[in-house]
Amino acid sequence: QVQLGESGGGLVQAGGPLRLSCVVSTPITNIYRLGWYRQAPGKQRELVATILTTGATNYADSAKGRFSISRDNAKNTVYLQMNSLNSEDTAVYYCNSKLGPFVSDYWGQGIQVTVSS
């Protein structure tokens, strides 16, 4: 079983940056895909960004040009650098791991990000 622990959330002013971190309990070199999702109040959970073991990345349209996902294999950590934040980015952000393309996902407990205008 894979355990994920998010950190770095909090309150930030609109236009500011924030970096989320997710420490993974197993070597991330063995994990097919890592990613960040978010869920705003009253909305469904949605993809923010993913990164494969190859380093290939994928972003939601809302994140393109503002957010950057990266991984540090030595630290078993995946990051989400968020810039130019706005109120629509306010949500609980979840770290996600997928060991293979046809297996179940693992999720972190989530961390709150609140952008004040």
Protein backbone atom coordinates (compact mmCIF):
# COMPACT_ATOMS: atom_id res chain seq x y z
CA GLN A 1 0.00 0.00 0.00
CA VAL A 2 1.23 3.47 -0.86
CA GLN A 3 0.88 6.34 1.58
CA LEU A 4 0.94 9.94 0.46
CA GLY A 5 1.43 13.00 2.63
CA GLU A 6 0.75 16.50 1.34
CA SER A 7 2.16 19.71 2.77
CA GLY A 8 2.58 23.35 1.80
CA GLY A 9 -1.02 24.44 1.60
CA GLY A 10 -2.54 27.45 3.30
CA LEU A 11 -3.77 30.97 2.68
CA VAL A 12 -2.21 33.03 -0.10
CA GLN A 13 -3.11 36.35 -1.72
CA ALA A 14 -4.32 36.44 -5.27
CA GLY A 15 -1.44 36.65 -7.70
CA GLY A 16 0.94 34.94 -5.33
CA PRO A 17 2.75 31.61 -5.51
CA LEU A 18 2.50 28.46 -3.46
CA ARG A 19 4.32 25.14 -3.65
CA LEU A 20 2.72 21.90 -2.59
CA SER A 21 4.77 18.84 -1.70
CA CYS A 22 3.75 15.21 -1.47
CA VAL A 23 6.00 12.66 0.17
CA VAL A 24 5.41 9.10 -1.00
CA SER A 25 6.03 6.06 1.20
CA THR A 26 7.59 3.95 -1.57
CA PRO A 27 10.27 4.70 -4.16
CA ILE A 28 8.56 6.83 -6.77
CA THR A 29 10.75 5.39 -9.50
CA ASN A 30 8.40 2.39 -9.27
CA ILE A 31 5.26 4.46 -9.63
CA TYR A 32 3.77 4.75 -13.07
CA ARG A 33 2.09 8.09 -12.54
CA LEU A 34 1.97 10.77 -9.86
CA GLY A 35 -0.43 13.64 -9.89
CA TRP A 36 -2.34 16.42 -8.23
CA TYR A 37 -6.10 16.78 -8.20
CA ARG A 38 -8.33 19.31 -6.50
CA GLN A 39 -11.88 19.62 -5.27
CA ALA A 40 -13.59 22.93 -4.71
CA PRO A 41 -16.72 23.21 -2.54
CA GLY A 42 -19.76 21.87 -4.37
CA LYS A 43 -17.69 20.61 -7.29
CA GLN A 44 -16.29 17.30 -8.40
CA ARG A 45 -12.65 16.40 -7.97
CA GLU A 46 -10.69 17.39 -11.04
CA LEU A 47 -7.28 16.80 -12.51
CA VAL A 48 -4.67 19.50 -12.06
CA ALA A 49 -1.47 17.88 -13.32
CA THR A 50 0.21 14.50 -13.70
CA ILE A 51 3.73 13.28 -14.31
CA LEU A 52 4.82 9.86 -15.53
CA THR A 53 7.98 7.92 -14.71
CA THR A 54 9.23 9.05 -18.12
CA GLY A 55 8.90 12.66 -17.00
CA ALA A 56 6.06 13.38 -19.37
CA THR A 57 3.57 15.83 -17.90
CA ASN A 58 -0.06 16.64 -18.45
CA TYR A 59 -1.96 19.71 -17.24
CA ALA A 60 -5.54 20.82 -17.00
CA ASP A 61 -6.25 23.81 -19.18
CA SER A 62 -6.73 25.93 -16.05
CA ALA A 63 -3.21 25.03 -14.89
CA LYS A 64 -1.28 25.44 -18.12
CA GLY A 65 1.23 28.27 -17.99
CA ARG A 66 0.75 28.81 -14.26
CA PHE A 67 1.41 25.48 -12.54
CA SER A 68 4.35 23.13 -12.80
CA ILE A 69 4.56 19.54 -11.58
CA SER A 70 7.90 17.94 -10.84
CA ARG A 71 9.34 14.96 -9.00
CA ASP A 72 12.43 14.34 -6.93
CA ASN A 73 13.17 10.63 -7.03
CA ALA A 74 15.83 10.89 -4.33
CA LYS A 75 13.31 12.37 -1.91
CA ASN A 76 10.33 10.32 -3.06
CA THR A 77 8.49 13.59 -3.43
CA VAL A 78 6.28 15.18 -6.06
CA TYR A 79 5.77 18.92 -6.15
CA LEU A 80 3.21 21.31 -7.55
CA GLN A 81 4.46 24.83 -8.05
CA MET A 82 1.53 27.17 -8.42
CA ASN A 83 1.94 30.74 -9.63
CA SER A 84 -0.47 33.57 -10.36
CA LEU A 85 -3.08 32.06 -8.09
CA ASN A 86 -6.64 33.31 -8.21
CA SER A 87 -9.81 32.67 -6.23
CA GLU A 88 -10.85 29.86 -8.58
CA ASP A 89 -7.82 27.89 -7.41
CA THR A 90 -9.26 27.68 -3.90
CA ALA A 91 -9.81 23.99 -3.21
CA VAL A 92 -8.59 20.95 -1.35
CA TYR A 93 -5.63 19.57 -3.28
CA TYR A 94 -4.98 15.84 -3.33
CA CYS A 95 -1.84 13.95 -4.20
CA ASN A 96 -2.41 10.84 -6.29
CA SER A 97 -0.33 7.84 -7.26
CA LYS A 98 -0.97 5.08 -9.73
CA LEU A 99 1.32 2.07 -9.73
CA GLY A 100 0.31 0.98 -13.20
CA PRO A 101 -2.11 1.91 -15.96
CA PHE A 102 -4.63 -0.77 -14.95
CA VAL A 103 -4.48 -0.70 -11.17
CA SER A 104 -6.18 1.33 -8.48
CA ASP A 105 -5.07 4.76 -7.38
CA TYR A 106 -3.84 5.84 -3.98
CA TRP A 107 -4.75 9.22 -2.52
CA GLY A 108 -3.39 11.54 0.10
CA GLN A 109 -5.62 13.05 2.76
CA GLY A 110 -5.79 16.38 0.96
CA ILE A 111 -4.62 19.85 1.86
CA GLN A 112 -6.49 23.12 1.77
CA VAL A 113 -5.40 25.96 -0.49
CA THR A 114 -7.27 29.23 -0.07
CA VAL A 115 -6.64 32.21 -2.33
CA SER A 116 -7.81 35.56 -0.97
CA SER A 117 -8.70 38.38 -3.33
